[in-house]
């Protein structure tokens, strides 16, 4: 069995850093490897992005027999907005994220939502 995790852009479209929509990437992977994926996760992005992406991840995962879902977000505030911005910043070799921590209480509220949506690993 395979567990896969994805990181999302900090936008409202639920896209991967490559610019693909999460839904399209999941359908492609699940179609190519039926029955192989046991766990799906979102990580290394803001709690807000994970909360937006989990319904898509869980719906498609369940449709394909995935039984384990999880999330682990960054606690620092996001800065990047698009794949183009990421590419520009990495090429320029600059720091790509702010270092302002998200309050623990705010993070906890997201975690409760993720558990309510069906995550067992948070």
PDB file of N, CA and C in Angstrom:
ATOM      1  N   UNK A   1       0.826  -1.207   0.000  1.00  0.00           N
ATOM      2  CA  UNK A   1       0.000   0.000   0.000  1.00  0.00           C
ATOM      3  C   UNK A   1       0.866   1.265   0.000  1.00  0.00           C
ATOM      4  N   UNK A   2       0.320   2.318  -0.561  1.00  0.00           N
ATOM      5  CA  UNK A   2       1.037   3.583  -0.689  1.00  0.00           C
ATOM      6  C   UNK A   2       0.257   4.689   0.013  1.00  0.00           C
ATOM      7  N   UNK A   3       0.979   5.565   0.696  1.00  0.00           N
ATOM      8  CA  UNK A   3       0.394   6.784   1.272  1.00  0.00           C
ATOM      9  C   UNK A   3       1.003   7.952   0.511  1.00  0.00           C
ATOM     10  N   UNK A   4       0.156   8.875   0.057  1.00  0.00           N
ATOM     11  CA  UNK A   4       0.606  10.041  -0.701  1.00  0.00           C
ATOM     12  C   UNK A   4       0.211  11.324   0.014  1.00  0.00           C
ATOM     13  N   UNK A   5       1.071  12.321  -0.078  1.00  0.00           N
ATOM     14  CA  UNK A   5       0.757  13.612   0.503  1.00  0.00           C
ATOM     15  C   UNK A   5       1.011  14.707  -0.521  1.00  0.00           C
ATOM     16  N   UNK A   6       0.182  15.733  -0.472  1.00  0.00           N
ATOM     17  CA  UNK A   6       0.262  16.850  -1.407  1.00  0.00           C
ATOM     18  C   UNK A   6       0.357  18.159  -0.632  1.00  0.00           C
ATOM     19  N   UNK A   7       1.025  19.123  -1.237  1.00  0.00           N
ATOM     20  CA  UNK A   7       1.102  20.474  -0.694  1.00  0.00           C
ATOM     21  C   UNK A   7       0.381  21.406  -1.664  1.00  0.00           C
ATOM     22  N   UNK A   8      -0.412  22.310  -1.120  1.00  0.00           N
ATOM     23  CA  UNK A   8      -1.240  23.184  -1.948  1.00  0.00           C
ATOM     24  C   UNK A   8      -0.705  24.610  -1.986  1.00  0.00           C
ATOM     25  N   UNK A   9      -1.019  25.284  -3.075  1.00  0.00           N
ATOM     26  CA  UNK A   9      -0.754  26.718  -3.167  1.00  0.00           C
ATOM     27  C   UNK A   9      -1.666  27.450  -2.199  1.00  0.00           C
ATOM     28  N   UNK A  10      -1.278  28.634  -1.839  1.00  0.00           N
ATOM     29  CA  UNK A  10      -2.074  29.452  -0.923  1.00  0.00           C
ATOM     30  C   UNK A  10      -3.077  30.284  -1.719  1.00  0.00           C
ATOM     31  N   UNK A  11      -4.074  29.600  -2.282  1.00  0.00           N
ATOM     32  CA  UNK A  11      -5.121  30.297  -3.026  1.00  0.00           C
ATOM     33  C   UNK A  11      -6.458  29.596  -2.785  1.00  0.00           C
ATOM     34  N   UNK A  12      -7.500  30.076  -3.407  1.00  0.00           N
ATOM     35  CA  UNK A  12      -8.832  29.508  -3.195  1.00  0.00           C
ATOM     36  C   UNK A  12      -9.221  28.479  -4.247  1.00  0.00           C
ATOM     37  N   UNK A  13      -8.282  28.094  -5.111  1.00  0.00           N
ATOM     38  CA  UNK A  13      -8.588  27.206  -6.227  1.00  0.00           C
ATOM     39  C   UNK A  13      -8.244  25.747  -5.923  1.00  0.00           C
ATOM     40  N   UNK A  14      -7.582  25.473  -4.817  1.00  0.00           N
ATOM     41  CA  UNK A  14      -7.139  24.130  -4.406  1.00  0.00           C
ATOM     42  C   UNK A  14      -6.232  23.537  -5.487  1.00  0.00           C
ATOM     43  N   UNK A  15      -5.092  24.201  -5.676  1.00  0.00           N
ATOM     44  CA  UNK A  15      -4.114  23.794  -6.678  1.00  0.00           C
ATOM     45  C   UNK A  15      -2.814  23.342  -6.023  1.00  0.00           C
ATOM     46  N   UNK A  16      -2.118  22.456  -6.724  1.00  0.00           N
ATOM     47  CA  UNK A  16      -0.780  22.046  -6.320  1.00  0.00           C
ATOM     48  C   UNK A  16       0.211  23.135  -6.718  1.00  0.00           C
ATOM     49  N   UNK A  17       1.420  23.052  -6.225  1.00  0.00           N
ATOM     50  CA  UNK A  17       2.444  24.041  -6.567  1.00  0.00           C
ATOM     51  C   UNK A  17       2.787  24.011  -8.053  1.00  0.00           C
ATOM     52  N   UNK A  18       2.502  22.915  -8.712  1.00  0.00           N
ATOM     53  CA  UNK A  18       2.740  22.801 -10.159  1.00  0.00           C
ATOM     54  C   UNK A  18       1.659  23.512 -10.961  1.00  0.00           C
ATOM     55  N   UNK A  19       0.588  23.959 -10.275  1.00  0.00           N
ATOM     56  CA  UNK A  19      -0.506  24.654 -10.952  1.00  0.00           C
ATOM     57  C   UNK A  19      -1.681  23.754 -11.288  1.00  0.00           C
ATOM     58  N   UNK A  20      -1.540  22.442 -11.104  1.00  0.00           N
ATOM     59  CA  UNK A  20      -2.643  21.517 -11.381  1.00  0.00           C
ATOM     60  C   UNK A  20      -3.673  21.578 -10.262  1.00  0.00           C
ATOM     61  N   UNK A  21      -4.915  21.390 -10.607  1.00  0.00           N
ATOM     62  CA  UNK A  21      -5.947  21.295  -9.584  1.00  0.00           C
ATOM     63  C   UNK A  21      -5.784  19.969  -8.857  1.00  0.00           C
ATOM     64  N   UNK A  22      -5.981  19.987  -7.545  1.00  0.00           N
ATOM     65  CA  UNK A  22      -5.844  18.777  -6.739  1.00  0.00           C
ATOM     66  C   UNK A  22      -6.746  17.671  -7.278  1.00  0.00           C
ATOM     67  N   UNK A  23      -7.964  18.016  -7.612  1.00  0.00           N
ATOM     68  CA  UNK A  23      -8.922  17.032  -8.114  1.00  0.00           C
ATOM     69  C   UNK A  23      -8.384  16.305  -9.345  1.00  0.00           C
ATOM     70  N   UNK A  24      -7.822  17.052 -10.283  1.00  0.00           N
ATOM     71  CA  UNK A  24      -7.299  16.439 -11.513  1.00  0.00           C
ATOM     72  C   UNK A  24      -6.107  15.534 -11.219  1.00  0.00           C
ATOM     73  N   UNK A  25      -5.215  15.980 -10.343  1.00  0.00           N
ATOM     74  CA  UNK A  25      -4.041  15.174  -9.992  1.00  0.00           C
ATOM     75  C   UNK A  25      -4.461  13.870  -9.310  1.00  0.00           C
ATOM     76  N   UNK A  26      -5.408  13.974  -8.382  1.00  0.00           N
ATOM     77  CA  UNK A  26      -5.876  12.775  -7.677  1.00  0.00           C
ATOM     78  C   UNK A  26      -6.524  11.773  -8.631  1.00  0.00           C
ATOM     79  N   UNK A  27      -7.384  12.263  -9.498  1.00  0.00           N
ATOM     80  CA  UNK A  27      -8.054  11.362 -10.449  1.00  0.00           C
ATOM     81  C   UNK A  27      -7.036  10.679 -11.361  1.00  0.00           C
ATOM     82  N   UNK A  28      -6.021  11.421 -11.784  1.00  0.00           N
ATOM     83  CA  UNK A  28      -4.974  10.841 -12.636  1.00  0.00           C
ATOM     84  C   UNK A  28      -4.220   9.735 -11.893  1.00  0.00           C
ATOM     85  N   UNK A  29      -3.807  10.007 -10.685  1.00  0.00           N
ATOM     86  CA  UNK A  29      -3.052   9.029  -9.894  1.00  0.00           C
ATOM     87  C   UNK A  29      -3.902   7.809  -9.579  1.00  0.00           C
ATOM     88  N   UNK A  30      -5.106   8.043  -9.110  1.00  0.00           N
ATOM     89  CA  UNK A  30      -5.971   6.920  -8.729  1.00  0.00           C
ATOM     90  C   UNK A  30      -6.339   6.063  -9.949  1.00  0.00           C
ATOM     91  N   UNK A  31      -6.495   6.696 -11.094  1.00  0.00           N
ATOM     92  CA  UNK A  31      -6.788   5.952 -12.317  1.00  0.00           C
ATOM     93  C   UNK A  31      -5.623   5.104 -12.788  1.00  0.00           C
ATOM     94  N   UNK A  32      -4.419   5.600 -12.585  1.00  0.00           N
ATOM     95  CA  UNK A  32      -3.225   4.857 -13.017  1.00  0.00           C
ATOM     96  C   UNK A  32      -2.843   3.729 -12.067  1.00  0.00           C
ATOM     97  N   UNK A  33      -3.193   3.892 -10.791  1.00  0.00           N
ATOM     98  CA  UNK A  33      -2.788   2.911  -9.780  1.00  0.00           C
ATOM     99  C   UNK A  33      -3.987   2.468  -8.941  1.00  0.00           C
ATOM    100  N   UNK A  34      -4.980   1.845  -9.568  1.00  0.00           N
ATOM    101  CA  UNK A  34      -6.188   1.472  -8.821  1.00  0.00           C
ATOM    102  C   UNK A  34      -5.891   0.482  -7.690  1.00  0.00           C
ATOM    103  N   UNK A  35      -6.454   0.791  -6.523  1.00  0.00           N
ATOM    104  CA  UNK A  35      -6.326  -0.092  -5.378  1.00  0.00           C
ATOM    105  C   UNK A  35      -4.990  -0.020  -4.648  1.00  0.00           C
ATOM    106  N   UNK A  36      -4.038   0.751  -5.143  1.00  0.00           N
ATOM    107  CA  UNK A  36      -2.714   0.796  -4.538  1.00  0.00           C
ATOM    108  C   UNK A  36      -2.618   1.834  -3.416  1.00  0.00           C
ATOM    109  N   UNK A  37      -3.335   2.942  -3.558  1.00  0.00           N
ATOM    110  CA  UNK A  37      -3.238   4.029  -2.585  1.00  0.00           C
ATOM    111  C   UNK A  37      -4.149   3.759  -1.393  1.00  0.00           C
ATOM    112  N   UNK A  38      -3.550   3.736  -0.210  1.00  0.00           N
ATOM    113  CA  UNK A  38      -4.294   3.476   1.029  1.00  0.00           C
ATOM    114  C   UNK A  38      -4.506   4.742   1.851  1.00  0.00           C
ATOM    115  N   UNK A  39      -3.579   5.703   1.726  1.00  0.00           N
ATOM    116  CA  UNK A  39      -3.674   6.924   2.516  1.00  0.00           C
ATOM    117  C   UNK A  39      -3.404   8.159   1.685  1.00  0.00           C
ATOM    118  N   UNK A  40      -4.178   9.224   1.962  1.00  0.00           N
ATOM    119  CA  UNK A  40      -3.992  10.510   1.295  1.00  0.00           C
ATOM    120  C   UNK A  40      -3.914  11.616   2.338  1.00  0.00           C
ATOM    121  N   UNK A  41      -2.996  12.549   2.107  1.00  0.00           N
ATOM    122  CA  UNK A  41      -2.731  13.599   3.084  1.00  0.00           C
ATOM    123  C   UNK A  41      -2.480  14.928   2.391  1.00  0.00           C
ATOM    124  N   UNK A  42      -2.680  16.002   3.140  1.00  0.00           N
ATOM    125  CA  UNK A  42      -2.261  17.343   2.734  1.00  0.00           C
ATOM    126  C   UNK A  42      -1.302  17.852   3.799  1.00  0.00           C
ATOM    127  N   UNK A  43      -0.197  18.468   3.371  1.00  0.00           N
ATOM    128  CA  UNK A  43       0.772  18.986   4.331  1.00  0.00           C
ATOM    129  C   UNK A  43       1.556  20.153   3.744  1.00  0.00           C
ATOM    130  N   UNK A  44       2.339  20.804   4.599  1.00  0.00           N
ATOM    131  CA  UNK A  44       3.272  21.866   4.202  1.00  0.00           C
ATOM    132  C   UNK A  44       2.605  23.023   3.470  1.00  0.00           C
ATOM    133  N   UNK A  45       1.437  23.404   3.941  1.00  0.00           N
ATOM    134  CA  UNK A  45       0.764  24.607   3.460  1.00  0.00           C
ATOM    135  C   UNK A  45      -0.079  25.122   4.625  1.00  0.00           C
ATOM    136  N   UNK A  46      -0.764  26.222   4.423  1.00  0.00           N
ATOM    137  CA  UNK A  46      -1.495  26.842   5.526  1.00  0.00           C
ATOM    138  C   UNK A  46      -2.685  25.993   5.969  1.00  0.00           C
ATOM    139  N   UNK A  47      -3.101  26.137   7.221  1.00  0.00           N
ATOM    140  CA  UNK A  47      -4.307  25.443   7.676  1.00  0.00           C
ATOM    141  C   UNK A  47      -5.522  25.793   6.807  1.00  0.00           C
ATOM    142  N   UNK A  48      -5.612  27.043   6.378  1.00  0.00           N
ATOM    143  CA  UNK A  48      -6.727  27.467   5.533  1.00  0.00           C
ATOM    144  C   UNK A  48      -6.732  26.705   4.200  1.00  0.00           C
ATOM    145  N   UNK A  49      -5.573  26.538   3.589  1.00  0.00           N
ATOM    146  CA  UNK A  49      -5.489  25.794   2.331  1.00  0.00           C
ATOM    147  C   UNK A  49      -5.857  24.328   2.535  1.00  0.00           C
ATOM    148  N   UNK A  50      -5.387  23.750   3.633  1.00  0.00           N
ATOM    149  CA  UNK A  50      -5.715  22.346   3.915  1.00  0.00           C
ATOM    150  C   UNK A  50      -7.212  22.189   4.156  1.00  0.00           C
ATOM    151  N   UNK A  51      -7.800  23.090   4.924  1.00  0.00           N
ATOM    152  CA  UNK A  51      -9.241  23.015   5.185  1.00  0.00           C
ATOM    153  C   UNK A  51     -10.021  23.116   3.878  1.00  0.00           C
ATOM    154  N   UNK A  52      -9.565  23.936   2.950  1.00  0.00           N
ATOM    155  CA  UNK A  52     -10.231  24.059   1.650  1.00  0.00           C
ATOM    156  C   UNK A  52     -10.040  22.813   0.786  1.00  0.00           C
ATOM    157  N   UNK A  53      -8.874  22.185   0.888  1.00  0.00           N
ATOM    158  CA  UNK A  53      -8.567  21.044   0.029  1.00  0.00           C
ATOM    159  C   UNK A  53      -9.055  19.697   0.512  1.00  0.00           C
ATOM    160  N   UNK A  54      -9.254  19.548   1.809  1.00  0.00           N
ATOM    161  CA  UNK A  54      -9.627  18.234   2.348  1.00  0.00           C
ATOM    162  C   UNK A  54     -10.925  17.669   1.787  1.00  0.00           C
ATOM    163  N   UNK A  55     -11.988  18.456   1.613  1.00  0.00           N
ATOM    164  CA  UNK A  55     -13.200  17.858   1.040  1.00  0.00           C
ATOM    165  C   UNK A  55     -12.958  17.215  -0.328  1.00  0.00           C
ATOM    166  N   UNK A  56     -12.129  17.839  -1.145  1.00  0.00           N
ATOM    167  CA  UNK A  56     -11.786  17.280  -2.456  1.00  0.00           C
ATOM    168  C   UNK A  56     -10.990  15.990  -2.276  1.00  0.00           C
ATOM    169  N   UNK A  57      -9.958  16.046  -1.443  1.00  0.00           N
ATOM    170  CA  UNK A  57      -9.096  14.893  -1.197  1.00  0.00           C
ATOM    171  C   UNK A  57      -9.897  13.708  -0.670  1.00  0.00           C
ATOM    172  N   UNK A  58     -10.749  13.954   0.303  1.00  0.00           N
ATOM    173  CA  UNK A  58     -11.503  12.872   0.941  1.00  0.00           C
ATOM    174  C   UNK A  58     -12.571  12.308   0.007  1.00  0.00           C
ATOM    175  N   UNK A  59     -13.268  13.165  -0.705  1.00  0.00           N
ATOM    176  CA  UNK A  59     -14.303  12.688  -1.624  1.00  0.00           C
ATOM    177  C   UNK A  59     -13.714  11.772  -2.703  1.00  0.00           C
ATOM    178  N   UNK A  60     -12.653  12.218  -3.333  1.00  0.00           N
ATOM    179  CA  UNK A  60     -12.034  11.411  -4.389  1.00  0.00           C
ATOM    180  C   UNK A  60     -11.382  10.168  -3.795  1.00  0.00           C
ATOM    181  N   UNK A  61     -10.724  10.330  -2.651  1.00  0.00           N
ATOM    182  CA  UNK A  61     -10.102   9.179  -2.011  1.00  0.00           C
ATOM    183  C   UNK A  61     -11.097   8.090  -1.671  1.00  0.00           C
ATOM    184  N   UNK A  62     -12.202   8.471  -1.054  1.00  0.00           N
ATOM    185  CA  UNK A  62     -13.222   7.478  -0.692  1.00  0.00           C
ATOM    186  C   UNK A  62     -13.795   6.797  -1.926  1.00  0.00           C
ATOM    187  N   UNK A  63     -13.970   7.564  -2.979  1.00  0.00           N
ATOM    188  CA  UNK A  63     -14.484   7.006  -4.235  1.00  0.00           C
ATOM    189  C   UNK A  63     -13.573   5.898  -4.761  1.00  0.00           C
ATOM    190  N   UNK A  64     -12.286   5.997  -4.439  1.00  0.00           N
ATOM    191  CA  UNK A  64     -11.300   5.028  -4.914  1.00  0.00           C
ATOM    192  C   UNK A  64     -10.838   4.063  -3.815  1.00  0.00           C
ATOM    193  N   UNK A  65     -11.560   3.990  -2.721  1.00  0.00           N
ATOM    194  CA  UNK A  65     -11.271   3.010  -1.683  1.00  0.00           C
ATOM    195  C   UNK A  65     -10.171   3.379  -0.707  1.00  0.00           C
ATOM    196  N   UNK A  66      -9.772   4.636  -0.649  1.00  0.00           N
ATOM    197  CA  UNK A  66      -8.751   5.074   0.308  1.00  0.00           C
ATOM    198  C   UNK A  66      -9.370   5.083   1.709  1.00  0.00           C
ATOM    199  N   UNK A  67      -8.614   4.606   2.689  1.00  0.00           N
ATOM    200  CA  UNK A  67      -9.166   4.465   4.037  1.00  0.00           C
ATOM    201  C   UNK A  67      -8.514   5.367   5.093  1.00  0.00           C
ATOM    202  N   UNK A  68      -7.376   5.979   4.778  1.00  0.00           N
ATOM    203  CA  UNK A  68      -6.667   6.801   5.749  1.00  0.00           C
ATOM    204  C   UNK A  68      -6.468   8.203   5.170  1.00  0.00           C
ATOM    205  N   UNK A  69      -6.864   9.212   5.960  1.00  0.00           N
ATOM    206  CA  UNK A  69      -6.702  10.598   5.539  1.00  0.00           C
ATOM    207  C   UNK A  69      -6.022  11.383   6.653  1.00  0.00           C
ATOM    208  N   UNK A  70      -5.240  12.389   6.268  1.00  0.00           N
ATOM    209  CA  UNK A  70      -4.573  13.171   7.277  1.00  0.00           C
ATOM    210  C   UNK A  70      -4.171  14.543   6.783  1.00  0.00           C
ATOM    211  N   UNK A  71      -3.746  15.371   7.740  1.00  0.00           N
ATOM    212  CA  UNK A  71      -3.337  16.736   7.437  1.00  0.00           C
ATOM    213  C   UNK A  71      -2.314  17.204   8.458  1.00  0.00           C
ATOM    214  N   UNK A  72      -1.337  17.967   7.973  1.00  0.00           N
ATOM    215  CA  UNK A  72      -0.343  18.564   8.845  1.00  0.00           C
ATOM    216  C   UNK A  72       0.079  19.881   8.215  1.00  0.00           C
ATOM    217  N   UNK A  73      -0.410  20.972   8.761  1.00  0.00           N
ATOM    218  CA  UNK A  73      -0.201  22.292   8.167  1.00  0.00           C
ATOM    219  C   UNK A  73       1.011  23.003   8.741  1.00  0.00           C
ATOM    220  N   UNK A  74       1.452  24.016   8.012  1.00  0.00           N
ATOM    221  CA  UNK A  74       2.455  24.940   8.538  1.00  0.00           C
ATOM    222  C   UNK A  74       1.776  25.826   9.572  1.00  0.00           C
ATOM    223  N   UNK A  75       2.535  26.247  10.576  1.00  0.00           N
ATOM    224  CA  UNK A  75       2.003  27.199  11.554  1.00  0.00           C
ATOM    225  C   UNK A  75       2.464  28.609  11.268  1.00  0.00           C
ATOM    226  N   UNK A  76       3.223  28.798  10.204  1.00  0.00           N
ATOM    227  CA  UNK A  76       3.626  30.159   9.862  1.00  0.00           C
ATOM    228  C   UNK A  76       2.753  30.679   8.735  1.00  0.00           C
ATOM    229  N   UNK A  77       2.593  31.976   8.707  1.00  0.00           N
ATOM    230  CA  UNK A  77       1.699  32.614   7.743  1.00  0.00           C
ATOM    231  C   UNK A  77       2.241  32.484   6.327  1.00  0.00           C
ATOM    232  N   UNK A  78       1.382  32.171   5.369  1.00  0.00           N
ATOM    233  CA  UNK A  78       1.831  32.014   3.984  1.00  0.00           C
ATOM    234  C   UNK A  78       2.152  33.354   3.334  1.00  0.00           C
ATOM    235  N   UNK A  79       3.014  33.302   2.368  1.00  0.00           N
ATOM    236  CA  UNK A  79       3.373  34.490   1.609  1.00  0.00           C
ATOM    237  C   UNK A  79       3.100  34.278   0.123  1.00  0.00           C
ATOM    238  N   UNK A  80       3.333  33.081  -0.373  1.00  0.00           N
ATOM    239  CA  UNK A  80       3.243  32.820  -1.807  1.00  0.00           C
ATOM    240  C   UNK A  80       1.795  32.680  -2.270  1.00  0.00           C
ATOM    241  N   UNK A  81       1.524  33.193  -3.469  1.00  0.00           N
ATOM    242  CA  UNK A  81       0.166  33.169  -3.998  1.00  0.00           C
ATOM    243  C   UNK A  81       0.033  32.372  -5.283  1.00  0.00           C
ATOM    244  N   UNK A  82       1.103  32.177  -6.040  1.00  0.00           N
ATOM    245  CA  UNK A  82       0.968  31.505  -7.334  1.00  0.00           C
ATOM    246  C   UNK A  82       2.227  30.728  -7.672  1.00  0.00           C
ATOM    247  N   UNK A  83       2.083  29.811  -8.617  1.00  0.00           N
ATOM    248  CA  UNK A  83       3.230  29.039  -9.079  1.00  0.00           C
ATOM    249  C   UNK A  83       4.278  29.952  -9.700  1.00  0.00           C
ATOM    250  N   UNK A  84       3.859  31.001 -10.419  1.00  0.00           N
ATOM    251  CA  UNK A  84       4.797  31.948 -11.013  1.00  0.00           C
ATOM    252  C   UNK A  84       5.601  32.668  -9.936  1.00  0.00           C
ATOM    253  N   UNK A  85       4.932  33.048  -8.851  1.00  0.00           N
ATOM    254  CA  UNK A  85       5.626  33.748  -7.763  1.00  0.00           C
ATOM    255  C   UNK A  85       6.644  32.827  -7.106  1.00  0.00           C
ATOM    256  N   UNK A  86       6.272  31.568  -6.931  1.00  0.00           N
ATOM    257  CA  UNK A  86       7.207  30.602  -6.341  1.00  0.00           C
ATOM    258  C   UNK A  86       8.453  30.498  -7.214  1.00  0.00           C
ATOM    259  N   UNK A  87       8.254  30.333  -8.508  1.00  0.00           N
ATOM    260  CA  UNK A  87       9.377  30.190  -9.423  1.00  0.00           C
ATOM    261  C   UNK A  87      10.274  31.427  -9.388  1.00  0.00           C
ATOM    262  N   UNK A  88       9.684  32.607  -9.425  1.00  0.00           N
ATOM    263  CA  UNK A  88      10.461  33.848  -9.376  1.00  0.00           C
ATOM    264  C   UNK A  88      11.279  33.925  -8.092  1.00  0.00           C
ATOM    265  N   UNK A  89      10.671  33.610  -6.971  1.00  0.00           N
ATOM    266  CA  UNK A  89      11.363  33.739  -5.694  1.00  0.00           C
ATOM    267  C   UNK A  89      12.475  32.717  -5.530  1.00  0.00           C
ATOM    268  N   UNK A  90      12.244  31.488  -6.001  1.00  0.00           N
ATOM    269  CA  UNK A  90      13.303  30.493  -5.887  1.00  0.00           C
ATOM    270  C   UNK A  90      14.468  30.836  -6.806  1.00  0.00           C
ATOM    271  N   UNK A  91      14.172  31.340  -7.979  1.00  0.00           N
ATOM    272  CA  UNK A  91      15.242  31.749  -8.889  1.00  0.00           C
ATOM    273  C   UNK A  91      16.058  32.888  -8.291  1.00  0.00           C
ATOM    274  N   UNK A  92      15.389  33.788  -7.619  1.00  0.00           N
ATOM    275  CA  UNK A  92      16.075  34.935  -7.018  1.00  0.00           C
ATOM    276  C   UNK A  92      16.748  34.560  -5.699  1.00  0.00           C
ATOM    277  N   UNK A  93      16.532  33.313  -5.253  1.00  0.00           N
ATOM    278  CA  UNK A  93      17.137  32.812  -4.033  1.00  0.00           C
ATOM    279  C   UNK A  93      16.811  33.701  -2.833  1.00  0.00           C
ATOM    280  N   UNK A  94      15.529  34.010  -2.676  1.00  0.00           N
ATOM    281  CA  UNK A  94      15.093  34.807  -1.527  1.00  0.00           C
ATOM    282  C   UNK A  94      14.264  33.943  -0.591  1.00  0.00           C
ATOM    283  N   UNK A  95      14.138  34.389   0.627  1.00  0.00           N
ATOM    284  CA  UNK A  95      13.316  33.696   1.614  1.00  0.00           C
ATOM    285  C   UNK A  95      11.864  33.709   1.138  1.00  0.00           C
ATOM    286  N   UNK A  96      11.190  32.566   1.160  1.00  0.00           N
ATOM    287  CA  UNK A  96       9.884  32.462   0.525  1.00  0.00           C
ATOM    288  C   UNK A  96       8.702  32.470   1.488  1.00  0.00           C
ATOM    289  N   UNK A  97       8.925  32.582   2.756  1.00  0.00           N
ATOM    290  CA  UNK A  97       7.798  32.581   3.689  1.00  0.00           C
ATOM    291  C   UNK A  97       8.035  33.573   4.824  1.00  0.00           C
ATOM    292  N   UNK A  98       6.950  34.144   5.305  1.00  0.00           N
ATOM    293  CA  UNK A  98       7.023  34.965   6.506  1.00  0.00           C
ATOM    294  C   UNK A  98       7.231  34.043   7.697  1.00  0.00           C
ATOM    295  N   UNK A  99       7.646  34.586   8.802  1.00  0.00           N
ATOM    296  CA  UNK A  99       7.875  33.754   9.975  1.00  0.00           C
ATOM    297  C   UNK A  99       6.916  34.100  11.115  1.00  0.00           C
ATOM    298  N   UNK A 100       5.758  34.619  10.784  1.00  0.00           N
ATOM    299  CA  UNK A 100       4.757  34.950  11.790  1.00  0.00           C
ATOM    300  C   UNK A 100       3.940  33.686  12.074  1.00  0.00           C
ATOM    301  N   UNK A 101       3.979  33.219  13.303  1.00  0.00           N
ATOM    302  CA  UNK A 101       3.250  32.007  13.655  1.00  0.00           C
ATOM    303  C   UNK A 101       1.744  32.254  13.735  1.00  0.00           C
ATOM    304  N   UNK A 102       0.994  31.265  13.294  1.00  0.00           N
ATOM    305  CA  UNK A 102      -0.454  31.267  13.454  1.00  0.00           C
ATOM    306  C   UNK A 102      -0.734  30.853  14.899  1.00  0.00           C
ATOM    307  N   UNK A 103      -1.620  31.532  15.600  1.00  0.00           N
ATOM    308  CA  UNK A 103      -1.908  31.176  16.996  1.00  0.00           C
ATOM    309  C   UNK A 103      -2.355  29.715  17.131  1.00  0.00           C
ATOM    310  N   UNK A 104      -1.922  29.088  18.215  1.00  0.00           N
ATOM    311  CA  UNK A 104      -2.258  27.686  18.457  1.00  0.00           C
ATOM    312  C   UNK A 104      -3.768  27.456  18.462  1.00  0.00           C
ATOM    313  N   UNK A 105      -4.514  28.382  19.028  1.00  0.00           N
ATOM    314  CA  UNK A 105      -5.973  28.232  19.103  1.00  0.00           C
ATOM    315  C   UNK A 105      -6.586  28.189  17.704  1.00  0.00           C
ATOM    316  N   UNK A 106      -6.073  29.023  16.817  1.00  0.00           N
ATOM    317  CA  UNK A 106      -6.573  29.038  15.436  1.00  0.00           C
ATOM    318  C   UNK A 106      -6.233  27.723  14.733  1.00  0.00           C
ATOM    319  N   UNK A 107      -5.001  27.248  14.931  1.00  0.00           N
ATOM    320  CA  UNK A 107      -4.586  25.979  14.339  1.00  0.00           C
ATOM    321  C   UNK A 107      -5.472  24.842  14.861  1.00  0.00           C
ATOM    322  N   UNK A 108      -5.734  24.846  16.161  1.00  0.00           N
ATOM    323  CA  UNK A 108      -6.555  23.813  16.769  1.00  0.00           C
ATOM    324  C   UNK A 108      -7.958  23.776  16.170  1.00  0.00           C
ATOM    325  N   UNK A 109      -8.528  24.927  15.890  1.00  0.00           N
ATOM    326  CA  UNK A 109      -9.862  24.964  15.270  1.00  0.00           C
ATOM    327  C   UNK A 109      -9.843  24.290  13.903  1.00  0.00           C
ATOM    328  N   UNK A 110      -8.782  24.500  13.145  1.00  0.00           N
ATOM    329  CA  UNK A 110      -8.652  23.813  11.857  1.00  0.00           C
ATOM    330  C   UNK A 110      -8.541  22.304  12.070  1.00  0.00           C
ATOM    331  N   UNK A 111      -7.723  21.896  13.042  1.00  0.00           N
ATOM    332  CA  UNK A 111      -7.545  20.467  13.319  1.00  0.00           C
ATOM    333  C   UNK A 111      -8.882  19.816  13.656  1.00  0.00           C
ATOM    334  N   UNK A 112      -9.696  20.478  14.452  1.00  0.00           N
ATOM    335  CA  UNK A 112     -11.016  19.938  14.785  1.00  0.00           C
ATOM    336  C   UNK A 112     -11.859  19.766  13.535  1.00  0.00           C
ATOM    337  N   UNK A 113     -11.773  20.722  12.630  1.00  0.00           N
ATOM    338  CA  UNK A 113     -12.503  20.619  11.361  1.00  0.00           C
ATOM    339  C   UNK A 113     -12.005  19.429  10.560  1.00  0.00           C
ATOM    340  N   UNK A 114     -10.687  19.257  10.499  1.00  0.00           N
ATOM    341  CA  UNK A 114     -10.118  18.145   9.735  1.00  0.00           C
ATOM    342  C   UNK A 114     -10.562  16.798  10.289  1.00  0.00           C
ATOM    343  N   UNK A 115     -10.599  16.674  11.595  1.00  0.00           N
ATOM    344  CA  UNK A 115     -11.058  15.437  12.219  1.00  0.00           C
ATOM    345  C   UNK A 115     -12.530  15.208  11.871  1.00  0.00           C
ATOM    346  N   UNK A 116     -13.319  16.279  11.927  1.00  0.00           N
ATOM    347  CA  UNK A 116     -14.727  16.183  11.564  1.00  0.00           C
ATOM    348  C   UNK A 116     -14.948  15.770  10.113  1.00  0.00           C
ATOM    349  N   UNK A 117     -14.021  16.138   9.247  1.00  0.00           N
ATOM    350  CA  UNK A 117     -14.127  15.772   7.841  1.00  0.00           C
ATOM    351  C   UNK A 117     -13.709  14.328   7.580  1.00  0.00           C
ATOM    352  N   UNK A 118     -12.986  13.723   8.543  1.00  0.00           N
ATOM    353  CA  UNK A 118     -12.605  12.327   8.376  1.00  0.00           C
ATOM    354  C   UNK A 118     -11.133  12.037   8.500  1.00  0.00           C
ATOM    355  N   UNK A 119     -10.330  12.988   8.905  1.00  0.00           N
ATOM    356  CA  UNK A 119      -8.890  12.736   9.085  1.00  0.00           C
ATOM    357  C   UNK A 119      -8.638  11.969  10.377  1.00  0.00           C
ATOM    358  N   UNK A 120      -7.775  10.975  10.287  1.00  0.00           N
ATOM    359  CA  UNK A 120      -7.396  10.231  11.481  1.00  0.00           C
ATOM    360  C   UNK A 120      -5.947  10.514  11.882  1.00  0.00           C
ATOM    361  N   UNK A 121      -5.197  11.184  11.018  1.00  0.00           N
ATOM    362  CA  UNK A 121      -3.828  11.577  11.321  1.00  0.00           C
ATOM    363  C   UNK A 121      -3.736  13.083  11.149  1.00  0.00           C
ATOM    364  N   UNK A 122      -3.449  13.777  12.256  1.00  0.00           N
ATOM    365  CA  UNK A 122      -3.350  15.242  12.215  1.00  0.00           C
ATOM    366  C   UNK A 122      -2.161  15.702  13.039  1.00  0.00           C
TER     367      UNK A 122
END
